[in-house]
Amino acid sequence: MANSMDLLHAAECGRLSVVKQLVSKDKSVIHTCQHKDPHNRAFNTNASAIHYACRSGHFNIVKYLLQQDSTIINDQDIEYWSPLHYACYNGHINIVKLLLEYNADVNLKDNYLFQTPIQFAMYRQFKDIVHLLDPNIKWTRRNSDEISTKGNTPIFRKKSNLFLGRYILNENHIKEIELFRDNSQSNDIELKKIQDVELSNLNVRIIFTHDFKKHMNKTIQLSSNEGDDPFLRSSTTSTNEHIMVFEDE
């Protein structure tokens, strides 16, 4: 898998060794390698490597890219999402802290609802990130009943290339996910032998949890070294659902 990766996929999947190899050949790819296919919605058009490292939770890759070229700190894709937007939307507080160290602009707005990164974090109920960005902010958090009934995303679309729809799910997978989503107190679930269409039908396993703190701590733990991360992506798909994706050996 690694040998066929471009910079975007390597950054998205935590393959720091591949990122370093590609950047060492031509540092300009940090800017020039952008997603250009508007029909492939797995990526946003004009997004670059730092956007997808921030989205997937790969702290070490974000750090390396910024060390190579700090001018990318406020780059925006076609939706005007900055690296900070992606990190805030997915709850990656360690990456948020790093971006702030590089003076990320907290006032940039996306071009759909004109939201700043802190508004993304507020919507997703990431109170630690919200208070990191503004310790004095006052905001109304949704209660647990509202989150459980309104915070979940639709079931994955089998043939879609959207963020989670890129995974081919069978009927048993879908039933397990539905049961998981119906009970906010349910235990974690792990789905195996799932094809990732975006990565040449690579088999992956996906772990779902309702426990954001556990999810966040695991992500930080697995992305804290200077080598390749063992996970492909870590993300929050709703206020009450968090996933980690691993290559299924």
Protein backbone atom coordinates (compact mmCIF):
# COMPACT_ATOMS: atom_id res chain seq x y z
CA MET A 1 0.00 0.00 0.00
CA ALA A 2 2.66 2.53 1.06
CA ASN A 3 4.64 2.42 -2.20
CA SER A 4 1.66 3.50 -4.27
CA MET A 5 0.58 6.38 -2.02
CA ASP A 6 0.65 10.02 -3.02
CA LEU A 7 1.25 12.69 -0.40
CA LEU A 8 -2.45 13.16 0.38
CA HIS A 9 -3.12 9.51 1.14
CA ALA A 10 0.14 9.13 3.08
CA ALA A 11 -0.76 12.10 5.27
CA GLU A 12 -4.32 10.88 5.72
CA CYS A 13 -3.20 7.39 6.72
CA GLY A 14 -0.37 8.23 9.09
CA ARG A 15 2.50 7.04 6.92
CA LEU A 16 5.16 9.51 8.05
CA SER A 17 7.94 7.57 6.32
CA VAL A 18 6.20 8.00 2.95
CA VAL A 19 5.51 11.69 3.63
CA LYS A 20 9.19 12.27 4.41
CA GLN A 21 10.28 10.38 1.31
CA LEU A 22 8.01 12.41 -0.97
CA VAL A 23 8.81 15.77 0.61
CA SER A 24 12.56 15.10 0.57
CA LYS A 25 12.41 14.73 -3.22
CA ASP A 26 10.50 17.97 -3.74
CA LYS A 27 9.40 20.17 -0.85
CA SER A 28 7.01 22.09 -3.09
CA VAL A 29 4.58 19.11 -3.03
CA ILE A 30 3.49 20.32 0.41
CA HIS A 31 1.71 23.11 -1.50
CA THR A 32 1.18 21.69 -4.95
CA CYS A 33 -0.20 18.24 -4.12
CA GLN A 34 -3.90 19.00 -3.76
CA HIS A 35 -7.04 17.00 -4.36
CA LYS A 36 -8.45 18.01 -7.75
CA ASP A 37 -11.20 15.49 -8.56
CA PRO A 38 -14.56 17.09 -7.63
CA HIS A 39 -16.34 13.75 -8.15
CA ASN A 40 -14.29 12.00 -5.47
CA ARG A 41 -15.81 13.30 -2.28
CA ALA A 42 -13.47 11.38 -0.01
CA PHE A 43 -11.37 14.55 -0.14
CA ASN A 44 -12.35 18.20 -0.46
CA THR A 45 -11.14 19.85 -3.65
CA ASN A 46 -7.95 21.91 -3.18
CA ALA A 47 -7.18 20.23 0.13
CA SER A 48 -3.54 19.44 0.85
CA ALA A 49 -1.65 17.05 3.09
CA ILE A 50 -1.93 19.10 6.26
CA HIS A 51 -5.72 19.16 6.00
CA TYR A 52 -5.96 15.39 5.96
CA ALA A 53 -3.37 14.78 8.62
CA CYS A 54 -5.40 17.14 10.82
CA ARG A 55 -8.65 15.38 9.94
CA SER A 56 -7.32 11.88 10.60
CA GLY A 57 -5.47 12.75 13.81
CA HIS A 58 -1.84 12.24 12.76
CA PHE A 59 -0.02 14.66 15.05
CA ASN A 60 3.45 13.59 13.94
CA ILE A 61 2.70 14.32 10.28
CA VAL A 62 1.17 17.72 11.03
CA LYS A 63 4.27 18.55 13.07
CA TYR A 64 6.64 17.42 10.31
CA LEU A 65 4.81 19.36 7.58
CA LEU A 66 4.84 22.55 9.64
CA GLN A 67 8.53 22.12 10.39
CA GLN A 68 9.18 21.89 6.66
CA ASP A 69 6.97 24.83 5.69
CA SER A 70 5.10 26.82 8.32
CA THR A 71 3.38 28.99 5.68
CA ILE A 72 0.75 26.25 5.22
CA ILE A 73 -0.69 26.91 8.68
CA ASN A 74 -3.76 28.76 7.36
CA ASP A 75 -4.19 27.10 3.96
CA GLN A 76 -7.86 26.62 3.03
CA ASP A 77 -9.53 24.12 0.72
CA ILE A 78 -12.46 24.83 -1.60
CA GLU A 79 -14.83 24.87 1.39
CA TYR A 80 -12.49 27.34 3.15
CA TRP A 81 -11.68 24.79 5.84
CA SER A 82 -8.28 25.46 7.41
CA PRO A 83 -6.16 22.87 9.24
CA LEU A 84 -7.63 24.25 12.48
CA HIS A 85 -11.18 23.70 11.22
CA TYR A 86 -10.39 20.03 10.55
CA ALA A 87 -8.71 19.49 13.92
CA CYS A 88 -11.55 21.18 15.81
CA TYR A 89 -14.28 19.33 13.90
CA ASN A 90 -12.73 15.95 14.71
CA GLY A 91 -11.72 16.65 18.30
CA HIS A 92 -7.94 16.39 17.92
CA ILE A 93 -6.94 18.61 20.82
CA ASN A 94 -3.23 17.80 20.61
CA ILE A 95 -3.19 18.97 17.00
CA VAL A 96 -5.19 22.08 17.91
CA LYS A 97 -2.51 22.96 20.49
CA LEU A 98 0.22 22.46 17.90
CA LEU A 99 -1.54 24.63 15.32
CA LEU A 100 -1.95 27.41 17.88
CA GLU A 101 1.78 27.26 18.59
CA TYR A 102 2.25 28.08 14.90
CA ASN A 103 -0.20 31.00 15.21
CA ALA A 104 -3.13 29.46 13.37
CA ASP A 105 -5.81 32.03 12.57
CA VAL A 106 -8.76 31.32 14.88
CA ASN A 107 -11.00 33.76 12.99
CA LEU A 108 -11.06 32.09 9.56
CA LYS A 109 -14.58 31.13 8.43
CA ASP A 110 -15.76 28.34 6.16
CA ASN A 111 -17.76 29.34 3.07
CA TYR A 112 -20.98 27.44 3.83
CA LEU A 113 -22.18 28.53 7.27
CA PHE A 114 -19.35 31.03 7.85
CA GLN A 115 -18.22 29.27 11.00
CA THR A 116 -14.90 29.71 12.79
CA PRO A 117 -12.96 26.73 14.21
CA ILE A 118 -14.25 27.36 17.75
CA GLN A 119 -17.82 27.24 16.43
CA PHE A 120 -17.03 23.86 14.89
CA ALA A 121 -15.79 22.64 18.28
CA MET A 122 -18.87 24.05 20.01
CA TYR A 123 -21.20 22.30 17.59
CA ARG A 124 -19.36 19.01 18.15
CA GLN A 125 -19.46 19.47 21.93
CA PHE A 126 -15.66 19.37 22.36
CA LYS A 127 -15.55 21.43 25.53
CA ASP A 128 -11.80 20.99 26.11
CA ILE A 129 -11.06 22.45 22.68
CA VAL A 130 -13.61 25.22 23.12
CA HIS A 131 -12.07 26.33 26.41
CA LEU A 132 -8.57 25.99 24.99
CA LEU A 133 -9.48 28.44 22.23
CA ASP A 134 -11.38 30.77 24.58
CA PRO A 135 -11.16 30.10 28.35
CA ASN A 136 -13.84 32.70 29.09
CA ILE A 137 -16.44 31.69 26.56
CA LYS A 138 -20.03 31.12 27.61
CA TRP A 139 -22.01 28.73 25.48
CA THR A 140 -25.03 26.47 25.79
CA ARG A 141 -24.25 22.79 25.50
CA ARG A 142 -26.86 20.33 24.30
CA ASN A 143 -28.08 17.84 26.86
CA SER A 144 -27.46 14.12 26.49
CA ASP A 145 -31.01 13.37 25.30
CA GLU A 146 -30.75 15.89 22.50
CA ILE A 147 -27.35 14.55 21.45
CA SER A 148 -28.57 10.95 21.43
CA THR A 149 -31.59 11.78 19.26
CA LYS A 150 -30.14 14.48 17.01
CA GLY A 151 -26.40 13.98 17.12
CA ASN A 152 -26.03 10.84 15.04
CA THR A 153 -25.26 10.63 11.35
CA PRO A 154 -27.25 8.58 8.83
CA ILE A 155 -26.22 5.02 8.20
CA PHE A 156 -23.23 4.74 5.85
CA ARG A 157 -24.11 4.72 2.18
CA LYS A 158 -22.62 1.59 0.66
CA LYS A 159 -21.56 3.06 -2.67
CA SER A 160 -20.68 6.60 -1.63
CA ASN A 161 -17.20 8.07 -1.50
CA LEU A 162 -18.07 10.41 1.34
CA PHE A 163 -15.97 10.24 4.48
CA LEU A 164 -17.43 7.02 5.91
CA GLY A 165 -19.35 5.87 2.86
CA ARG A 166 -16.03 4.97 1.20
CA TYR A 167 -16.12 1.73 3.19
CA ILE A 168 -18.08 -1.16 1.67
CA LEU A 169 -20.40 -2.53 4.34
CA ASN A 170 -22.48 -5.69 4.31
CA GLU A 171 -25.88 -6.07 5.95
CA ASN A 172 -24.39 -7.45 9.18
CA HIS A 173 -22.08 -4.45 9.48
CA ILE A 174 -25.02 -2.09 9.05
CA LYS A 175 -27.10 -3.92 11.68
CA GLU A 176 -24.26 -3.72 14.18
CA ILE A 177 -23.84 0.00 13.56
CA GLU A 178 -27.56 0.63 13.90
CA LEU A 179 -27.66 -1.21 17.24
CA PHE A 180 -24.63 0.73 18.41
CA ARG A 181 -26.24 4.03 17.47
CA ASP A 182 -29.55 3.18 19.07
CA ASN A 183 -27.97 2.87 22.53
CA SER A 184 -25.62 5.63 23.68
CA GLN A 185 -24.50 3.36 26.56
CA SER A 186 -23.59 0.41 24.37
CA ASN A 187 -20.12 -1.13 24.42
CA ASP A 188 -17.56 -0.49 21.71
CA ILE A 189 -17.91 -2.52 18.53
CA GLU A 190 -15.26 -3.64 16.06
CA LEU A 191 -16.03 -4.41 12.42
CA LYS A 192 -13.48 -6.40 10.41
CA LYS A 193 -12.68 -7.18 6.78
CA ILE A 194 -14.17 -3.97 5.40
CA GLN A 195 -12.98 -2.71 2.04
CA ASP A 196 -11.73 0.88 1.73
CA VAL A 197 -12.49 1.80 -1.88
CA GLU A 198 -10.35 4.93 -1.73
CA LEU A 199 -7.25 2.89 -0.84
CA SER A 200 -7.50 0.33 -3.65
CA ASN A 201 -9.93 -1.89 -1.76
CA LEU A 202 -7.61 -2.24 1.22
CA ASN A 203 -9.16 -4.31 4.01
CA VAL A 204 -9.65 -2.33 7.22
CA ARG A 205 -11.19 -2.81 10.64
CA ILE A 206 -13.15 -0.03 12.30
CA ILE A 207 -13.62 0.44 16.04
CA PHE A 208 -16.66 2.46 17.17
CA THR A 209 -17.00 3.98 20.63
CA HIS A 210 -19.29 6.43 22.43
CA ASP A 211 -16.48 7.34 24.84
CA PHE A 212 -14.78 10.41 23.43
CA LYS A 213 -12.17 10.72 26.19
CA LYS A 214 -10.99 7.15 25.63
CA HIS A 215 -11.00 7.72 21.89
CA MET A 216 -9.00 10.94 22.17
CA ASN A 217 -6.43 9.50 24.58
CA LYS A 218 -5.89 6.47 22.35
CA THR A 219 -5.39 8.70 19.33
CA ILE A 220 -2.82 10.82 21.14
CA GLN A 221 -1.02 7.73 22.38
CA LEU A 222 -0.81 6.16 18.91
CA SER A 223 0.30 9.34 17.14
CA SER A 224 2.94 10.46 19.64
CA ASN A 225 5.96 8.68 18.15
CA GLU A 226 8.17 9.80 15.27
CA GLY A 227 7.39 6.82 13.03
CA ASP A 228 4.37 5.67 11.07
CA ASP A 229 1.14 5.64 13.05
CA PRO A 230 -0.44 2.19 13.50
CA PHE A 231 -3.91 3.55 12.71
CA LEU A 232 -5.18 4.94 9.42
CA ARG A 233 -7.60 7.52 10.75
CA SER A 234 -9.24 8.69 13.91
CA SER A 235 -12.38 10.73 13.68
CA THR A 236 -15.64 11.80 15.23
CA THR A 237 -18.59 11.09 12.97
CA SER A 238 -21.14 12.66 15.33
CA THR A 239 -21.26 14.08 18.84
CA ASN A 240 -21.90 10.59 20.14
CA GLU A 241 -19.83 8.41 17.82
CA HIS A 242 -16.07 8.15 17.40
CA ILE A 243 -14.11 5.79 15.18
CA MET A 244 -10.60 4.52 14.63
CA VAL A 245 -9.67 2.75 11.41
CA PHE A 246 -6.83 0.24 11.20
CA GLU A 247 -5.42 -1.83 8.38
CA ASP A 248 -6.84 -5.35 8.74
CA GLU A 249 -4.00 -7.84 8.39
